[in-house]
């Protein structure tokens, strides 16, 4: 019984944001690491961004902002995938404050540019559906899984058919094919 409590208490130990904010488990401080990679997910509100993030304008804006602010805040973006309604980013940062600044500025600049509200406050629904979801990726196997997951999302955005089994049902040969 004691072991079950600790397993459920630690399941969200390295995660923060997204729908976790609705439960008490996601309301602590955002766990960030300067040693381990971080899987970051921004989820956009479809009511505000009607054409989706894969439209040429929004896609170019998001990639330009990631490139600009990753250089400014010394955050290495290892891999990213922009979907129609969300963005996956695998990143590393040297300092917690730099990672926090990157999260804040990229989300804010995208929302301000999209809604053209640099000087005044905008009424209406928010551009982002949830707070950014972050998960510290601990260990090599979890790192490989995160990289494969982001790559699979990118391939699906480019036209690969969606599969319910996703990564769990893939053979080693299919995983190699994913990266070609």
N, C-alpha and C. Protein backbone atom coordinates (compact mmCIF):
# COMPACT_ATOMS: atom_id res chain seq x y z
N UNK A 1 0.83 -1.19 0.00
CA UNK A 1 0.00 0.00 0.00
C UNK A 1 0.87 1.25 0.00
N UNK A 2 1.92 1.23 0.80
CA UNK A 2 2.83 2.38 0.87
C UNK A 2 3.50 2.63 -0.48
N UNK A 3 3.85 1.54 -1.17
CA UNK A 3 4.53 1.65 -2.45
C UNK A 3 3.62 2.28 -3.51
N UNK A 4 2.33 1.91 -3.51
CA UNK A 4 1.38 2.48 -4.46
C UNK A 4 1.25 3.98 -4.30
N UNK A 5 1.24 4.47 -3.07
CA UNK A 5 1.13 5.90 -2.81
C UNK A 5 2.32 6.64 -3.42
N UNK A 6 3.52 6.14 -3.22
CA UNK A 6 4.70 6.81 -3.75
C UNK A 6 4.75 6.76 -5.27
N UNK A 7 4.28 5.67 -5.87
CA UNK A 7 4.27 5.59 -7.32
C UNK A 7 3.31 6.60 -7.92
N UNK A 8 2.12 6.76 -7.34
CA UNK A 8 1.17 7.72 -7.88
C UNK A 8 1.59 9.16 -7.57
N UNK A 9 2.27 9.38 -6.45
CA UNK A 9 2.72 10.73 -6.12
C UNK A 9 3.85 11.18 -7.03
N UNK A 10 4.68 10.25 -7.51
CA UNK A 10 5.83 10.61 -8.33
C UNK A 10 5.57 10.55 -9.83
N UNK A 11 4.36 10.15 -10.24
CA UNK A 11 4.10 10.00 -11.66
C UNK A 11 4.19 11.35 -12.40
N UNK A 12 3.83 12.43 -11.75
CA UNK A 12 3.89 13.77 -12.36
C UNK A 12 5.02 14.61 -11.78
N UNK A 13 5.99 13.97 -11.22
CA UNK A 13 7.07 14.68 -10.54
C UNK A 13 7.83 15.62 -11.47
N UNK A 14 8.04 15.22 -12.72
CA UNK A 14 8.83 16.01 -13.65
C UNK A 14 7.98 16.69 -14.72
N UNK A 15 6.66 16.73 -14.52
CA UNK A 15 5.75 17.33 -15.49
C UNK A 15 5.05 18.54 -14.89
N UNK A 16 4.62 19.45 -15.77
CA UNK A 16 3.93 20.65 -15.31
C UNK A 16 3.13 21.24 -16.48
N UNK A 17 2.01 21.83 -16.17
CA UNK A 17 1.25 22.58 -17.17
C UNK A 17 0.22 21.74 -17.88
N UNK A 18 -0.32 22.31 -18.95
CA UNK A 18 -1.35 21.62 -19.72
C UNK A 18 -2.58 21.34 -18.88
N UNK A 19 -3.14 20.17 -19.02
CA UNK A 19 -4.33 19.81 -18.25
C UNK A 19 -3.99 19.40 -16.81
N UNK A 20 -2.71 19.25 -16.50
CA UNK A 20 -2.32 18.93 -15.12
C UNK A 20 -2.67 20.06 -14.16
N UNK A 21 -2.78 21.28 -14.68
CA UNK A 21 -3.09 22.42 -13.82
C UNK A 21 -4.48 22.29 -13.20
N UNK A 22 -5.33 21.48 -13.80
CA UNK A 22 -6.68 21.31 -13.26
C UNK A 22 -6.68 20.45 -12.00
N UNK A 23 -5.66 19.62 -11.84
CA UNK A 23 -5.58 18.77 -10.65
C UNK A 23 -4.56 19.37 -9.68
N UNK A 24 -4.60 18.90 -8.46
CA UNK A 24 -3.68 19.44 -7.46
C UNK A 24 -2.24 19.02 -7.72
N UNK A 25 -2.04 17.98 -8.54
CA UNK A 25 -0.69 17.49 -8.81
C UNK A 25 0.12 18.44 -9.69
N UNK A 26 -0.55 19.29 -10.45
CA UNK A 26 0.15 20.15 -11.38
C UNK A 26 0.28 21.59 -10.94
N UNK A 27 0.15 21.85 -9.66
CA UNK A 27 0.15 23.23 -9.21
C UNK A 27 1.39 23.66 -8.45
N UNK A 28 2.41 22.85 -8.44
CA UNK A 28 3.64 23.24 -7.76
C UNK A 28 4.49 24.10 -8.67
N UNK A 29 5.77 24.19 -8.37
CA UNK A 29 6.69 24.93 -9.22
C UNK A 29 6.98 24.10 -10.47
N UNK A 30 7.22 24.78 -11.59
CA UNK A 30 7.52 24.09 -12.84
C UNK A 30 8.88 23.42 -12.73
N UNK A 31 8.96 22.08 -12.84
CA UNK A 31 10.26 21.43 -12.78
C UNK A 31 11.02 21.65 -14.09
N UNK A 32 12.19 22.23 -14.00
CA UNK A 32 13.06 22.45 -15.15
C UNK A 32 14.44 21.95 -14.79
N UNK A 33 15.22 21.58 -15.79
CA UNK A 33 16.54 21.06 -15.55
C UNK A 33 17.52 21.68 -16.52
N UNK A 34 18.70 22.00 -16.02
CA UNK A 34 19.74 22.52 -16.90
C UNK A 34 20.62 21.38 -17.42
N UNK A 35 20.39 20.16 -16.94
CA UNK A 35 21.18 19.01 -17.37
C UNK A 35 20.42 18.12 -18.35
N UNK A 36 19.13 17.96 -18.11
CA UNK A 36 18.32 17.05 -18.90
C UNK A 36 17.51 17.81 -19.94
N UNK A 37 17.16 17.15 -21.05
CA UNK A 37 16.31 17.80 -22.05
C UNK A 37 14.88 17.97 -21.53
N UNK A 38 14.17 18.90 -22.14
CA UNK A 38 12.80 19.21 -21.73
C UNK A 38 11.89 19.08 -22.95
N UNK A 39 10.81 18.34 -22.77
CA UNK A 39 9.78 18.22 -23.81
C UNK A 39 8.72 19.28 -23.51
N UNK A 40 8.52 20.19 -24.44
CA UNK A 40 7.62 21.32 -24.27
C UNK A 40 6.50 21.22 -25.28
N UNK A 41 5.26 21.48 -24.83
CA UNK A 41 4.10 21.46 -25.73
C UNK A 41 3.30 22.73 -25.52
N UNK A 42 3.11 23.49 -26.61
CA UNK A 42 2.20 24.63 -26.63
C UNK A 42 0.92 24.19 -27.34
N UNK A 43 -0.24 24.38 -26.72
CA UNK A 43 -1.52 23.99 -27.32
C UNK A 43 -2.31 25.26 -27.61
N UNK A 44 -2.68 25.46 -28.88
CA UNK A 44 -3.34 26.68 -29.32
C UNK A 44 -4.87 26.51 -29.28
N UNK A 45 -5.56 27.61 -29.06
CA UNK A 45 -7.01 27.63 -29.07
C UNK A 45 -7.49 27.69 -30.52
N UNK A 46 -8.22 26.69 -30.97
CA UNK A 46 -8.66 26.62 -32.37
C UNK A 46 -9.65 27.72 -32.73
N UNK A 47 -10.32 28.29 -31.74
CA UNK A 47 -11.26 29.38 -32.02
C UNK A 47 -10.54 30.65 -32.42
N UNK A 48 -9.35 30.86 -31.91
CA UNK A 48 -8.59 32.07 -32.21
C UNK A 48 -7.73 31.88 -33.45
N UNK A 49 -7.08 30.75 -33.56
CA UNK A 49 -6.20 30.46 -34.70
C UNK A 49 -6.97 29.52 -35.64
N UNK A 50 -7.79 30.10 -36.49
CA UNK A 50 -8.70 29.31 -37.32
C UNK A 50 -7.98 28.51 -38.41
N UNK A 51 -6.93 29.03 -38.99
CA UNK A 51 -6.23 28.33 -40.06
C UNK A 51 -5.24 27.29 -39.52
N UNK A 52 -4.98 27.33 -38.25
CA UNK A 52 -4.05 26.37 -37.65
C UNK A 52 -2.61 26.85 -37.74
N UNK A 53 -1.75 26.18 -37.01
CA UNK A 53 -0.34 26.56 -36.97
C UNK A 53 0.44 26.09 -38.19
N UNK A 54 -0.13 25.20 -39.00
CA UNK A 54 0.55 24.73 -40.20
C UNK A 54 0.35 25.66 -41.40
N UNK A 55 -0.45 26.70 -41.24
CA UNK A 55 -0.59 27.66 -42.34
C UNK A 55 0.78 28.32 -42.55
N UNK A 56 1.10 28.70 -43.78
CA UNK A 56 2.45 29.23 -44.05
C UNK A 56 2.84 30.41 -43.15
N UNK A 57 1.92 31.33 -42.91
CA UNK A 57 2.22 32.51 -42.08
C UNK A 57 2.52 32.12 -40.64
N UNK A 58 1.67 31.30 -40.04
CA UNK A 58 1.85 30.90 -38.64
C UNK A 58 3.06 30.00 -38.46
N UNK A 59 3.28 29.11 -39.43
CA UNK A 59 4.44 28.22 -39.37
C UNK A 59 5.74 29.03 -39.41
N UNK A 60 5.81 29.98 -40.33
CA UNK A 60 7.01 30.82 -40.44
C UNK A 60 7.21 31.67 -39.20
N UNK A 61 6.12 32.20 -38.66
CA UNK A 61 6.21 33.02 -37.45
C UNK A 61 6.74 32.20 -36.28
N UNK A 62 6.20 31.00 -36.07
CA UNK A 62 6.63 30.17 -34.94
C UNK A 62 8.09 29.75 -35.08
N UNK A 63 8.51 29.34 -36.27
CA UNK A 63 9.91 28.93 -36.45
C UNK A 63 10.85 30.12 -36.28
N UNK A 64 10.46 31.29 -36.76
CA UNK A 64 11.31 32.48 -36.61
C UNK A 64 11.44 32.87 -35.14
N UNK A 65 10.34 32.81 -34.41
CA UNK A 65 10.39 33.15 -32.98
C UNK A 65 11.23 32.16 -32.20
N UNK A 66 11.10 30.87 -32.49
CA UNK A 66 11.92 29.87 -31.80
C UNK A 66 13.39 30.09 -32.07
N UNK A 67 13.74 30.37 -33.32
CA UNK A 67 15.14 30.58 -33.67
C UNK A 67 15.70 31.84 -33.01
N UNK A 68 14.95 32.92 -33.09
CA UNK A 68 15.40 34.20 -32.52
C UNK A 68 15.62 34.11 -31.01
N UNK A 69 14.62 33.57 -30.29
CA UNK A 69 14.69 33.57 -28.84
C UNK A 69 15.52 32.42 -28.28
N UNK A 70 15.74 31.38 -29.05
CA UNK A 70 16.66 30.34 -28.58
C UNK A 70 18.09 30.89 -28.57
N UNK A 71 18.41 31.73 -29.54
CA UNK A 71 19.73 32.37 -29.55
C UNK A 71 19.85 33.40 -28.44
N UNK A 72 18.81 34.17 -28.22
CA UNK A 72 18.86 35.21 -27.21
C UNK A 72 18.98 34.65 -25.79
N UNK A 73 18.27 33.55 -25.52
CA UNK A 73 18.26 33.01 -24.16
C UNK A 73 19.14 31.77 -24.01
N UNK A 74 19.98 31.48 -24.98
CA UNK A 74 20.93 30.36 -24.91
C UNK A 74 20.23 29.04 -24.63
N UNK A 75 19.15 28.82 -25.36
CA UNK A 75 18.38 27.58 -25.25
C UNK A 75 18.57 26.83 -26.56
N UNK A 76 18.97 25.58 -26.46
CA UNK A 76 19.17 24.78 -27.66
C UNK A 76 17.90 24.02 -28.01
N UNK A 77 17.34 24.32 -29.17
CA UNK A 77 16.18 23.58 -29.65
C UNK A 77 16.70 22.40 -30.45
N UNK A 78 16.58 21.20 -29.88
CA UNK A 78 17.09 20.00 -30.53
C UNK A 78 16.16 19.52 -31.63
N UNK A 79 14.88 19.63 -31.39
CA UNK A 79 13.91 19.10 -32.34
C UNK A 79 12.58 19.79 -32.09
N UNK A 80 11.82 20.03 -33.15
CA UNK A 80 10.49 20.59 -32.97
C UNK A 80 9.56 20.07 -34.06
N UNK A 81 8.28 20.10 -33.76
CA UNK A 81 7.24 19.70 -34.71
C UNK A 81 6.05 20.60 -34.50
N UNK A 82 5.66 21.29 -35.56
CA UNK A 82 4.51 22.19 -35.49
C UNK A 82 3.32 21.48 -36.11
N UNK A 83 2.30 21.24 -35.30
CA UNK A 83 1.08 20.58 -35.73
C UNK A 83 0.02 21.65 -36.03
N UNK A 84 -1.17 21.20 -36.38
CA UNK A 84 -2.24 22.14 -36.69
C UNK A 84 -2.68 22.91 -35.44
N UNK A 85 -2.71 22.23 -34.29
CA UNK A 85 -3.21 22.87 -33.07
C UNK A 85 -2.23 22.84 -31.90
N UNK A 86 -1.03 22.34 -32.09
CA UNK A 86 -0.04 22.35 -31.01
C UNK A 86 1.37 22.26 -31.58
N UNK A 87 2.33 22.56 -30.71
CA UNK A 87 3.74 22.55 -31.08
C UNK A 87 4.49 21.70 -30.07
N UNK A 88 5.33 20.77 -30.55
CA UNK A 88 6.22 19.98 -29.69
C UNK A 88 7.63 20.52 -29.87
N UNK A 89 8.34 20.74 -28.77
CA UNK A 89 9.72 21.20 -28.83
C UNK A 89 10.53 20.38 -27.83
N UNK A 90 11.69 19.90 -28.26
CA UNK A 90 12.64 19.24 -27.37
C UNK A 90 13.81 20.19 -27.24
N UNK A 91 14.05 20.68 -26.03
CA UNK A 91 15.06 21.71 -25.85
C UNK A 91 15.95 21.45 -24.65
N UNK A 92 17.06 22.13 -24.63
CA UNK A 92 17.99 22.12 -23.49
C UNK A 92 18.40 23.54 -23.20
N UNK A 93 18.55 23.83 -21.92
CA UNK A 93 18.98 25.16 -21.52
C UNK A 93 20.05 25.07 -20.45
N UNK A 94 20.86 26.11 -20.37
CA UNK A 94 21.95 26.10 -19.41
C UNK A 94 21.53 26.60 -18.03
N UNK A 95 20.48 27.44 -18.01
CA UNK A 95 20.01 27.99 -16.73
C UNK A 95 18.49 27.96 -16.69
N UNK A 96 17.95 27.76 -15.52
CA UNK A 96 16.50 27.72 -15.33
C UNK A 96 15.85 29.03 -15.77
N UNK A 97 16.47 30.15 -15.43
CA UNK A 97 15.89 31.45 -15.79
C UNK A 97 15.84 31.65 -17.30
N UNK A 98 16.83 31.12 -18.03
CA UNK A 98 16.81 31.23 -19.49
C UNK A 98 15.69 30.41 -20.09
N UNK A 99 15.46 29.22 -19.55
CA UNK A 99 14.38 28.38 -20.06
C UNK A 99 13.03 29.03 -19.78
N UNK A 100 12.86 29.58 -18.58
CA UNK A 100 11.61 30.25 -18.24
C UNK A 100 11.38 31.46 -19.14
N UNK A 101 12.42 32.22 -19.40
CA UNK A 101 12.29 33.38 -20.28
C UNK A 101 11.93 32.95 -21.69
N UNK A 102 12.53 31.88 -22.18
CA UNK A 102 12.22 31.37 -23.51
C UNK A 102 10.75 31.00 -23.60
N UNK A 103 10.24 30.26 -22.61
CA UNK A 103 8.83 29.85 -22.60
C UNK A 103 7.92 31.08 -22.63
N UNK A 104 8.20 32.02 -21.77
CA UNK A 104 7.36 33.20 -21.63
C UNK A 104 7.36 34.06 -22.90
N UNK A 105 8.54 34.31 -23.43
CA UNK A 105 8.66 35.23 -24.55
C UNK A 105 8.14 34.63 -25.85
N UNK A 106 8.42 33.37 -26.12
CA UNK A 106 7.93 32.75 -27.35
C UNK A 106 6.41 32.72 -27.35
N UNK A 107 5.81 32.31 -26.24
CA UNK A 107 4.34 32.26 -26.16
C UNK A 107 3.75 33.66 -26.28
N UNK A 108 4.34 34.62 -25.60
CA UNK A 108 3.82 35.99 -25.62
C UNK A 108 3.98 36.66 -26.97
N UNK A 109 5.14 36.51 -27.59
CA UNK A 109 5.38 37.14 -28.89
C UNK A 109 4.50 36.54 -29.97
N UNK A 110 4.29 35.23 -29.92
CA UNK A 110 3.42 34.60 -30.90
C UNK A 110 1.99 35.13 -30.75
N UNK A 111 1.49 35.18 -29.52
CA UNK A 111 0.13 35.64 -29.29
C UNK A 111 -0.03 37.12 -29.67
N UNK A 112 0.94 37.95 -29.32
CA UNK A 112 0.85 39.37 -29.66
C UNK A 112 0.91 39.61 -31.16
N UNK A 113 1.79 38.90 -31.85
CA UNK A 113 1.90 39.07 -33.30
C UNK A 113 0.65 38.56 -33.99
N UNK A 114 0.12 37.46 -33.52
CA UNK A 114 -1.06 36.87 -34.13
C UNK A 114 -2.28 37.77 -33.97
N UNK A 115 -2.45 38.36 -32.82
CA UNK A 115 -3.63 39.18 -32.54
C UNK A 115 -3.36 40.67 -32.76
N UNK A 116 -2.13 41.03 -33.08
CA UNK A 116 -1.74 42.42 -33.32
C UNK A 116 -2.07 43.31 -32.12
N UNK A 117 -1.66 42.87 -30.93
CA UNK A 117 -1.92 43.62 -29.69
C UNK A 117 -0.63 43.90 -28.95
N UNK A 118 0.21 44.71 -29.53
CA UNK A 118 1.47 45.04 -28.85
C UNK A 118 1.31 46.17 -27.84
N UNK A 119 0.34 47.04 -28.04
CA UNK A 119 0.21 48.20 -27.16
C UNK A 119 -1.00 48.16 -26.25
N UNK A 120 -2.03 47.43 -26.61
CA UNK A 120 -3.24 47.42 -25.79
C UNK A 120 -3.68 46.00 -25.50
N UNK A 121 -4.45 45.87 -24.45
CA UNK A 121 -4.95 44.56 -24.03
C UNK A 121 -6.13 44.15 -24.93
N UNK A 122 -6.19 42.88 -25.26
CA UNK A 122 -7.23 42.36 -26.14
C UNK A 122 -8.26 41.61 -25.32
N UNK A 123 -9.52 41.85 -25.60
CA UNK A 123 -10.60 41.10 -24.97
C UNK A 123 -10.94 39.91 -25.84
N UNK A 124 -11.45 38.88 -25.23
CA UNK A 124 -11.83 37.70 -25.99
C UNK A 124 -11.04 36.49 -25.53
N UNK A 125 -11.20 35.38 -26.25
CA UNK A 125 -10.51 34.15 -25.84
C UNK A 125 -9.00 34.25 -26.00
N UNK A 126 -8.30 33.52 -25.17
CA UNK A 126 -6.84 33.49 -25.20
C UNK A 126 -6.35 32.69 -26.41
N UNK A 127 -5.17 33.04 -26.88
CA UNK A 127 -4.57 32.31 -28.00
C UNK A 127 -4.20 30.90 -27.58
N UNK A 128 -3.70 30.76 -26.36
CA UNK A 128 -3.26 29.45 -25.88
C UNK A 128 -4.37 28.80 -25.09
N UNK A 129 -4.60 27.52 -25.32
CA UNK A 129 -5.66 26.77 -24.66
C UNK A 129 -5.30 26.48 -23.20
N UNK A 130 -4.05 26.09 -22.96
CA UNK A 130 -3.55 25.78 -21.61
C UNK A 130 -2.21 26.46 -21.42
N UNK A 131 -1.72 26.40 -20.20
CA UNK A 131 -0.33 26.81 -19.98
C UNK A 131 0.57 25.79 -20.67
N UNK A 132 1.77 26.20 -21.05
CA UNK A 132 2.65 25.25 -21.74
C UNK A 132 2.93 24.03 -20.87
N UNK A 133 2.87 22.86 -21.48
CA UNK A 133 3.18 21.61 -20.79
C UNK A 133 4.67 21.35 -20.94
N UNK A 134 5.34 21.08 -19.84
CA UNK A 134 6.75 20.72 -19.89
C UNK A 134 6.96 19.43 -19.12
N UNK A 135 7.91 18.65 -19.60
CA UNK A 135 8.29 17.42 -18.91
C UNK A 135 9.79 17.28 -19.02
N UNK A 136 10.45 17.12 -17.90
CA UNK A 136 11.89 16.87 -17.89
C UNK A 136 12.08 15.42 -18.30
N UNK A 137 12.88 15.20 -19.33
CA UNK A 137 13.09 13.87 -19.87
C UNK A 137 14.30 13.26 -19.16
N UNK A 138 14.04 12.28 -18.32
CA UNK A 138 15.10 11.64 -17.53
C UNK A 138 15.47 10.31 -18.15
N UNK A 139 16.73 10.13 -18.49
CA UNK A 139 17.21 8.85 -19.00
C UNK A 139 17.24 8.79 -20.51
N UNK A 140 18.10 7.91 -21.02
CA UNK A 140 18.30 7.79 -22.46
C UNK A 140 17.08 7.18 -23.16
N UNK A 141 16.46 6.20 -22.54
CA UNK A 141 15.31 5.56 -23.16
C UNK A 141 14.14 6.54 -23.29
N UNK A 142 13.89 7.32 -22.26
CA UNK A 142 12.83 8.33 -22.31
C UNK A 142 13.16 9.40 -23.35
N UNK A 143 14.44 9.72 -23.48
CA UNK A 143 14.89 10.69 -24.48
C UNK A 143 14.62 10.17 -25.89
N UNK A 144 14.95 8.91 -26.15
CA UNK A 144 14.70 8.31 -27.46
C UNK A 144 13.20 8.27 -27.75
N UNK A 145 12.40 7.95 -26.75
CA UNK A 145 10.95 7.91 -26.93
C UNK A 145 10.41 9.29 -27.27
N UNK A 146 10.88 10.31 -26.57
CA UNK A 146 10.43 11.68 -26.85
C UNK A 146 10.83 12.11 -28.26
N UNK A 147 12.06 11.80 -28.67
CA UNK A 147 12.51 12.15 -30.03
C UNK A 147 11.68 11.43 -31.09
N UNK A 148 11.44 10.15 -30.89
CA UNK A 148 10.63 9.39 -31.84
C UNK A 148 9.19 9.92 -31.89
N UNK A 149 8.66 10.29 -30.75
CA UNK A 149 7.29 10.82 -30.68
C UNK A 149 7.18 12.14 -31.45
N UNK A 150 8.14 13.02 -31.28
CA UNK A 150 8.12 14.30 -31.99
C UNK A 150 8.29 14.07 -33.48
N UNK A 151 9.17 13.15 -33.86
CA UNK A 151 9.38 12.84 -35.27
C UNK A 151 8.11 12.23 -35.89
N UNK A 152 7.44 11.37 -35.15
CA UNK A 152 6.20 10.77 -35.63
C UNK A 152 5.13 11.84 -35.82
N UNK A 153 5.04 12.79 -34.91
CA UNK A 153 4.09 13.89 -35.05
C UNK A 153 4.38 14.72 -36.30
N UNK A 154 5.66 14.96 -36.57
CA UNK A 154 6.02 15.73 -37.77
C UNK A 154 5.65 14.97 -39.03
N UNK A 155 5.91 13.68 -39.06
CA UNK A 155 5.55 12.86 -40.23
C UNK A 155 4.04 12.83 -40.43
N UNK A 156 3.27 12.77 -39.34
CA UNK A 156 1.81 12.79 -39.44
C UNK A 156 1.31 14.14 -39.94
N UNK A 157 1.98 15.21 -39.56
CA UNK A 157 1.60 16.54 -40.06
C UNK A 157 1.89 16.66 -41.55
N UNK A 158 2.88 15.92 -42.03
CA UNK A 158 3.24 15.96 -43.44
C UNK A 158 2.45 14.96 -44.28
N UNK A 159 1.56 14.17 -43.66
CA UNK A 159 0.70 13.30 -44.44
C UNK A 159 0.73 11.83 -44.09
N UNK A 160 1.57 11.41 -43.18
CA UNK A 160 1.58 9.99 -42.77
C UNK A 160 0.26 9.68 -42.07
N UNK A 161 -0.35 8.54 -42.36
CA UNK A 161 -1.63 8.22 -41.71
C UNK A 161 -1.47 8.01 -40.21
N UNK A 162 -2.46 8.47 -39.46
CA UNK A 162 -2.48 8.34 -38.01
C UNK A 162 -2.77 6.89 -37.62
N UNK A 163 -2.07 6.40 -36.62
CA UNK A 163 -2.28 5.05 -36.13
C UNK A 163 -2.58 5.11 -34.64
N UNK A 164 -3.55 4.34 -34.19
CA UNK A 164 -3.90 4.35 -32.77
C UNK A 164 -2.79 3.79 -31.89
N UNK A 165 -2.04 2.82 -32.41
CA UNK A 165 -0.98 2.23 -31.60
C UNK A 165 0.24 3.14 -31.51
N UNK A 166 0.43 4.01 -32.50
CA UNK A 166 1.50 4.99 -32.57
C UNK A 166 2.87 4.33 -32.33
N UNK A 167 3.61 4.77 -31.34
CA UNK A 167 4.97 4.26 -31.12
C UNK A 167 5.00 2.85 -30.54
N UNK A 168 4.00 2.48 -29.78
CA UNK A 168 4.03 1.17 -29.11
C UNK A 168 3.98 0.01 -30.09
N UNK A 169 3.31 0.21 -31.22
CA UNK A 169 3.16 -0.88 -32.16
C UNK A 169 4.22 -0.91 -33.25
N UNK A 170 5.22 -0.04 -33.16
CA UNK A 170 6.23 0.04 -34.22
C UNK A 170 7.37 -0.94 -34.00
N UNK A 171 7.80 -1.52 -35.10
CA UNK A 171 8.97 -2.40 -35.06
C UNK A 171 10.22 -1.54 -35.23
N UNK A 172 11.37 -2.15 -35.05
CA UNK A 172 12.63 -1.43 -35.22
C UNK A 172 12.78 -0.93 -36.66
N UNK A 173 12.31 -1.72 -37.60
CA UNK A 173 12.38 -1.31 -39.00
C UNK A 173 11.49 -0.09 -39.28
N UNK A 174 10.31 -0.06 -38.69
CA UNK A 174 9.41 1.08 -38.86
C UNK A 174 9.99 2.34 -38.20
N UNK A 175 10.68 2.16 -37.08
CA UNK A 175 11.31 3.31 -36.43
C UNK A 175 12.43 3.88 -37.30
N UNK A 176 13.21 3.01 -37.95
CA UNK A 176 14.25 3.48 -38.87
C UNK A 176 13.62 4.22 -40.04
N UNK A 177 12.52 3.71 -40.54
CA UNK A 177 11.81 4.34 -41.65
C UNK A 177 11.28 5.72 -41.25
N UNK A 178 10.92 5.86 -39.98
CA UNK A 178 10.41 7.13 -39.47
C UNK A 178 11.44 8.25 -39.64
N UNK A 179 12.71 7.92 -39.55
CA UNK A 179 13.77 8.93 -39.59
C UNK A 179 14.33 9.14 -40.99
N UNK A 180 13.79 8.47 -42.00
CA UNK A 180 14.30 8.68 -43.36
C UNK A 180 13.48 9.70 -44.10
